[in-house]
Structure formats: structure tokens, C-alpha cells
Amino acid sequence: MIPYERKLQITELLEKSEVVSLDEICRALGGVSESTVRRDLKSMEEEGEVTLLRGGGACLKKGGYEIPVMSKQNKNVAEKEKIAKEAARLVHDGDSIYIDSGSTTLAMVKYLKNKDVTIVTTNALIYQELQNPNLKCIIAGGEINRTTASIIGVATNNFLENYYFDKAFIGISGFSREAGFNTPNLLEAEKKQLVNKNSARTYILSDSSKSGRNTLCKVLDLEEATIICEKVTDVVEACGDYIIAE
């Protein structure tokens, strides 16, 4: 098993439990040595993903942790595809839309292939999905967050100030009654807020695994956007408007 695969499995373990011991990680990885796991955890700590604990073990870094985009693409795939397909149904010929960073928002691009649409995006991975000549794509300038493949920063916000959208499709890290739609990164929050202000209609694309999750920065209150989710949770019901993807 290569380091990337081990780190992905470690991340999944840590998302299920607040604290995971070295022994638990070694067993879950099929008997990988303790020294290898310690090395992986040390690397993940240096990258800002986990916090190492005395006595052996680790937990996800609270608040500021952002799951790497390549890890996100391998999680809840069926749910994300349902949401992406439902979101794409809302887009019509002639629309000017914003597509945010994130694996679910990226997944909707392939369902737009037969539509005449202008896309403005801060998703640095979108080029791999642009196979239709009818799709006009404008990519915002700014700094790329290599963890999330998101383009962010002052230059990005200045760029987006000049664009207005029929519909915006936004990704988030969590949503809850307390923290609304949220993200760990302040620059991400500011960008999403700006897009919402400049959009006639804002849709949040999120699978139900993020329901009840709080991260550092509130993006919007629950009633400020329509959430597209694959199933109803108590927090989804608390939203002002929701669409269930089937």
C-alpha cells in the first residue's frame, strides 16, 4: 500500500472517531508497522491535517482542517453523482453560472455537456471535465490552494466582483443549525459570500455526511440558499429550501 492510500484510510478512520490509537490504525491498515504509521501521521501533522497525541494516536485538526480534494473525490461517490446530476438539471441554455471548488460541484460539469452555458469558476480541476465546445469557461485568477484545488485570495474576489450569475453552485465543508453553511477557510468563506451576493439564485451542493458538521467559518445562514442533498436530515429540514436528489 502506497503512502497516499494509507493516509486516505487514516483520514477516514479519524472522521469516524474523535481519537484513534496507533494500534487501531495499524490493525485497520492490515498490520502495517507502527513505525510506518508514525511516519505517515508525522507527515500529516506537518501538512496541517492531524494533531498527534501523547501516548500514541491522533485526531483530526479541529476547525481549520480541510480534506484534500483527491480524498474527497473517492468518498460518497454515488451520493455526489446524484447531487451533481440534480444540480445540472437546474441549468438552462443561455445561463451564466458559477461553479465552486469541490468534488461535488466538479462532478456536475459532465452533465452540462449538451447545454449552451457560460461557466465562471474557481475550481482549478475543471479543465479535465471541459469536453464540450458549447461550454464557455472563465477561470478566475488568484492563488491555488493545493489541498483543495480552489482558487482564492484578494485577486480572486476582485475578479468575481465584476461577474453576476443566474445561478451559483457552491460547495461547503459542513452545515448545521449553529454554524449554518460553513468552511474551515476564511478566504473561502469570503469568496462564497461574494458569489452569493452576485447571484440571482444560490445552491449549496452537499451530501448528508456533512449534516451537523461545524467548521471554523460561517459562509451563509441556512435560509440564505437552497441545499441539494441526497437525503433529508434534521438540519436539511431546518434549511429555508431544499431539493432531494434521487
Protein backbone atom coordinates (compact mmCIF):
# COMPACT_ATOMS: atom_id res chain seq x y z
CA MET A 1 0.00 0.00 0.00
CA ILE A 2 1.45 3.36 -1.02
CA PRO A 3 1.60 6.31 1.43
CA TYR A 4 -1.29 8.15 -0.28
CA GLU A 5 -3.60 5.13 0.17
CA ARG A 6 -2.57 4.74 3.81
CA LYS A 7 -3.19 8.43 4.53
CA LEU A 8 -6.60 8.25 2.86
CA GLN A 9 -7.60 5.31 5.09
CA ILE A 10 -6.22 7.06 8.17
CA THR A 11 -8.30 10.15 7.34
CA GLU A 12 -11.43 8.02 7.01
CA LEU A 13 -10.75 6.41 10.41
CA LEU A 14 -10.27 9.79 12.06
CA GLU A 15 -13.50 11.13 10.57
CA LYS A 16 -15.43 8.30 12.23
CA SER A 17 -13.83 8.65 15.68
CA GLU A 18 -12.56 11.72 17.50
CA VAL A 19 -9.37 9.92 18.57
CA VAL A 20 -7.75 6.83 17.05
CA SER A 21 -4.84 4.96 18.65
CA LEU A 22 -1.75 3.71 16.84
CA ASP A 23 -2.82 0.10 17.42
CA GLU A 24 -6.24 0.75 15.86
CA ILE A 25 -4.65 2.37 12.82
CA CYS A 26 -2.16 -0.48 12.37
CA ARG A 27 -4.96 -3.08 12.54
CA ALA A 28 -7.18 -1.13 10.14
CA LEU A 29 -4.33 -0.92 7.63
CA GLY A 30 -3.85 -4.67 7.68
CA GLY A 31 -0.89 -4.97 10.02
CA VAL A 32 1.24 -2.08 8.77
CA SER A 33 4.12 -1.49 11.17
CA GLU A 34 3.85 1.10 13.94
CA SER A 35 6.91 2.93 12.65
CA THR A 36 5.28 3.34 9.21
CA VAL A 37 2.06 4.67 10.77
CA ARG A 38 4.03 7.09 12.95
CA ARG A 39 5.83 8.35 9.85
CA ASP A 40 2.53 8.84 8.00
CA LEU A 41 0.98 10.67 10.96
CA LYS A 42 4.03 12.90 11.33
CA SER A 43 3.74 13.84 7.64
CA MET A 44 0.01 14.53 8.03
CA GLU A 45 0.70 16.71 11.07
CA GLU A 46 3.27 18.75 9.13
CA GLU A 47 0.66 19.25 6.39
CA GLY A 48 -1.80 20.57 8.98
CA GLU A 49 -4.23 17.66 8.70
CA VAL A 50 -3.98 15.96 12.12
CA THR A 51 -2.90 16.56 15.69
CA LEU A 52 -0.63 13.93 17.28
CA LEU A 53 -1.44 12.97 20.85
CA ARG A 54 0.75 11.93 23.75
CA GLY A 55 0.87 8.20 24.26
CA GLY A 56 0.28 7.47 20.58
CA GLY A 57 -2.68 8.26 18.42
CA ALA A 58 -4.13 11.20 16.56
CA CYS A 59 -7.22 13.26 15.89
CA LEU A 60 -8.24 15.50 13.01
CA LYS A 61 -7.18 19.10 13.41
CA LYS A 62 -10.32 20.86 14.54
CA GLY A 63 -11.84 23.85 12.79
CA GLY A 64 -9.10 24.57 10.28
CA TYR A 65 -8.94 21.12 8.70
CA GLU A 66 -9.76 20.87 5.01
CA ILE A 67 -9.91 17.39 3.49
CA PRO A 68 -7.64 17.11 0.43
CA VAL A 69 -9.62 17.21 -2.82
CA MET A 70 -8.26 13.90 -4.08
CA SER A 71 -9.54 12.24 -0.89
CA LYS A 72 -12.94 13.89 -1.33
CA GLN A 73 -13.28 12.53 -4.86
CA ASN A 74 -13.11 8.98 -3.52
CA LYS A 75 -15.77 9.44 -0.84
CA ASN A 76 -19.56 9.14 -1.10
CA VAL A 77 -19.27 8.91 -4.88
CA ALA A 78 -22.80 7.65 -5.57
CA GLU A 79 -24.35 10.38 -3.39
CA LYS A 80 -22.29 13.11 -5.05
CA GLU A 81 -23.24 11.92 -8.52
CA LYS A 82 -26.94 12.12 -7.65
CA ILE A 83 -26.50 15.65 -6.32
CA ALA A 84 -24.41 16.75 -9.29
CA LYS A 85 -26.93 15.38 -11.79
CA GLU A 86 -29.80 17.11 -9.98
CA ALA A 87 -27.89 20.41 -9.93
CA ALA A 88 -27.18 20.18 -13.66
CA ARG A 89 -30.93 19.80 -14.35
CA LEU A 90 -31.42 23.30 -12.96
CA VAL A 91 -29.13 24.83 -15.61
CA HIS A 92 -30.69 26.00 -18.89
CA ASP A 93 -29.31 27.13 -22.24
CA GLY A 94 -28.14 30.72 -22.05
CA ASP A 95 -27.44 30.63 -18.31
CA SER A 96 -24.32 32.19 -16.81
CA ILE A 97 -23.37 30.13 -13.78
CA TYR A 98 -20.70 29.96 -11.10
CA ILE A 99 -19.17 26.59 -10.22
CA ASP A 100 -17.28 26.49 -6.94
CA SER A 101 -14.32 24.39 -5.88
CA GLY A 102 -15.11 20.92 -4.53
CA SER A 103 -15.65 17.40 -5.79
CA THR A 104 -19.47 17.55 -5.99
CA THR A 105 -19.55 20.83 -7.90
CA LEU A 106 -16.88 19.48 -10.26
CA ALA A 107 -18.96 16.35 -10.89
CA MET A 108 -21.86 18.37 -12.31
CA VAL A 109 -19.83 19.68 -15.28
CA LYS A 110 -20.12 16.46 -17.27
CA TYR A 111 -23.91 16.68 -17.04
CA LEU A 112 -23.82 20.08 -18.77
CA LYS A 113 -22.26 18.71 -21.96
CA ASN A 114 -25.35 19.27 -24.14
CA LYS A 115 -26.08 22.78 -22.88
CA ASP A 116 -25.05 26.20 -24.13
CA VAL A 117 -23.78 27.70 -20.89
CA THR A 118 -21.15 30.17 -19.66
CA ILE A 119 -19.28 28.96 -16.58
CA VAL A 120 -17.25 31.14 -14.23
CA THR A 121 -15.26 29.02 -11.80
CA THR A 122 -12.62 28.92 -9.08
CA ASN A 123 -12.22 25.16 -9.42
CA ALA A 124 -8.69 24.52 -10.66
CA LEU A 125 -9.56 20.97 -11.77
CA ILE A 126 -12.34 21.93 -14.16
CA TYR A 127 -10.19 21.69 -17.30
CA GLN A 128 -10.33 17.89 -17.16
CA GLU A 129 -14.13 17.98 -17.46
CA LEU A 130 -14.40 20.53 -20.30
CA GLN A 131 -15.09 18.30 -23.30
CA ASN A 132 -17.99 20.19 -24.85
CA PRO A 133 -17.33 23.12 -27.21
CA ASN A 134 -20.68 24.68 -26.22
CA LEU A 135 -19.40 25.30 -22.70
CA LYS A 136 -17.69 28.66 -22.40
CA CYS A 137 -15.48 28.66 -19.30
CA ILE A 138 -13.90 31.61 -17.49
CA ILE A 139 -11.41 30.72 -14.74
CA ALA A 140 -10.81 33.28 -12.01
CA GLY A 141 -7.31 34.44 -11.23
CA GLY A 142 -5.71 34.11 -7.81
CA GLU A 143 -3.75 31.72 -5.64
CA ILE A 144 -4.39 27.98 -5.86
CA ASN A 145 -4.91 26.15 -2.58
CA ARG A 146 -3.10 22.94 -3.46
CA THR A 147 -5.00 20.92 -0.86
CA THR A 148 -8.45 21.77 -2.23
CA ALA A 149 -7.61 22.84 -5.82
CA SER A 150 -9.51 26.04 -5.07
CA ILE A 151 -8.54 29.46 -6.41
CA ILE A 152 -8.78 32.04 -3.62
CA GLY A 153 -7.50 35.40 -2.40
CA VAL A 154 -7.91 39.14 -2.85
CA ALA A 155 -7.26 38.94 -6.60
CA THR A 156 -9.95 36.26 -6.91
CA ASN A 157 -12.51 38.35 -5.05
CA ASN A 158 -11.67 41.44 -7.12
CA PHE A 159 -12.21 39.37 -10.25
CA LEU A 160 -15.54 37.96 -9.07
CA GLU A 161 -16.86 41.40 -8.07
CA ASN A 162 -17.37 42.10 -11.79
CA TYR A 163 -19.45 39.00 -12.57
CA TYR A 164 -23.13 38.30 -11.99
CA PHE A 165 -24.71 34.86 -12.21
CA ASP A 166 -28.09 33.39 -12.97
CA LYS A 167 -27.20 30.53 -10.65
CA ALA A 168 -24.28 29.73 -8.34
CA PHE A 169 -23.36 26.19 -7.24
CA ILE A 170 -21.31 26.24 -4.06
CA GLY A 171 -19.51 23.53 -2.12
CA ILE A 172 -19.15 23.56 1.66
CA SER A 173 -17.42 21.54 4.38
CA GLY A 174 -20.33 21.32 6.79
CA PHE A 175 -23.77 22.64 7.64
CA SER A 176 -25.52 22.88 10.98
CA ARG A 177 -28.14 24.86 12.88
CA GLU A 178 -25.39 26.59 14.88
CA ALA A 179 -22.85 27.40 12.16
CA GLY A 180 -25.01 27.49 9.04
CA PHE A 181 -23.21 26.54 5.82
CA ASN A 182 -19.54 26.57 6.79
CA THR A 183 -15.93 26.09 5.70
CA PRO A 184 -12.60 25.97 7.58
CA ASN A 185 -11.01 28.71 5.47
CA LEU A 186 -11.79 32.42 5.88
CA LEU A 187 -10.78 33.25 2.29
CA GLU A 188 -13.12 30.53 1.04
CA ALA A 189 -15.94 31.90 3.17
CA GLU A 190 -15.44 35.44 1.84
CA LYS A 191 -15.36 34.20 -1.75
CA LYS A 192 -18.56 32.20 -1.37
CA GLN A 193 -20.32 35.13 0.31
CA LEU A 194 -19.37 37.40 -2.57
CA VAL A 195 -20.64 34.90 -5.14
CA ASN A 196 -23.91 34.57 -3.26
CA LYS A 197 -24.34 38.35 -3.29
CA ASN A 198 -23.78 38.43 -7.07
CA SER A 199 -26.08 35.52 -7.92
CA ALA A 200 -29.81 35.50 -8.63
CA ARG A 201 -30.05 32.05 -7.03
CA THR A 202 -27.54 30.14 -4.89
CA TYR A 203 -27.47 26.37 -4.49
CA ILE A 204 -25.37 24.52 -1.91
CA LEU A 205 -24.23 21.07 -3.06
CA SER A 206 -23.60 18.77 -0.12
CA ASP A 207 -24.09 15.11 0.73
CA SER A 208 -25.66 14.21 4.07
CA SER A 209 -22.34 13.18 5.68
CA LYS A 210 -21.72 16.92 6.25
CA SER A 211 -25.02 17.42 8.07
CA GLY A 212 -24.45 18.68 11.62
CA ARG A 213 -20.76 19.39 10.99
CA ASN A 214 -19.25 22.65 12.23
CA THR A 215 -16.02 24.14 10.89
CA LEU A 216 -14.36 27.47 11.59
CA CYS A 217 -16.10 29.99 9.31
CA LYS A 218 -19.77 30.54 8.60
CA VAL A 219 -20.48 31.13 4.91
CA LEU A 220 -24.26 31.65 4.95
CA ASP A 221 -27.21 31.10 7.24
CA LEU A 222 -29.24 28.02 6.35
CA GLU A 223 -32.12 30.09 4.98
CA GLU A 224 -29.90 32.07 2.58
CA ALA A 225 -29.51 29.34 -0.05
CA THR A 226 -31.13 26.18 -1.41
CA ILE A 227 -29.34 22.99 -0.45
CA ILE A 228 -29.24 19.99 -2.81
CA CYS A 229 -28.70 16.80 -0.79
CA GLU A 230 -29.31 13.11 -1.40
CA LYS A 231 -31.48 12.59 1.69
CA VAL A 232 -33.38 14.51 4.33
CA THR A 233 -31.72 15.09 7.71
CA ASP A 234 -32.96 17.24 10.57
CA VAL A 235 -30.57 20.00 9.51
CA VAL A 236 -31.70 19.78 5.88
CA GLU A 237 -35.28 20.22 7.11
CA ALA A 238 -34.14 23.34 9.01
CA CYS A 239 -32.94 24.93 5.79
CA GLY A 240 -35.12 27.54 4.15
CA ASP A 241 -35.36 25.50 0.97
CA TYR A 242 -34.03 22.11 -0.10
CA ILE A 243 -34.01 19.71 -3.04
CA ILE A 244 -33.55 15.98 -2.55
CA ALA A 245 -31.60 14.31 -5.35
CA GLU A 246 -32.86 10.84 -6.22
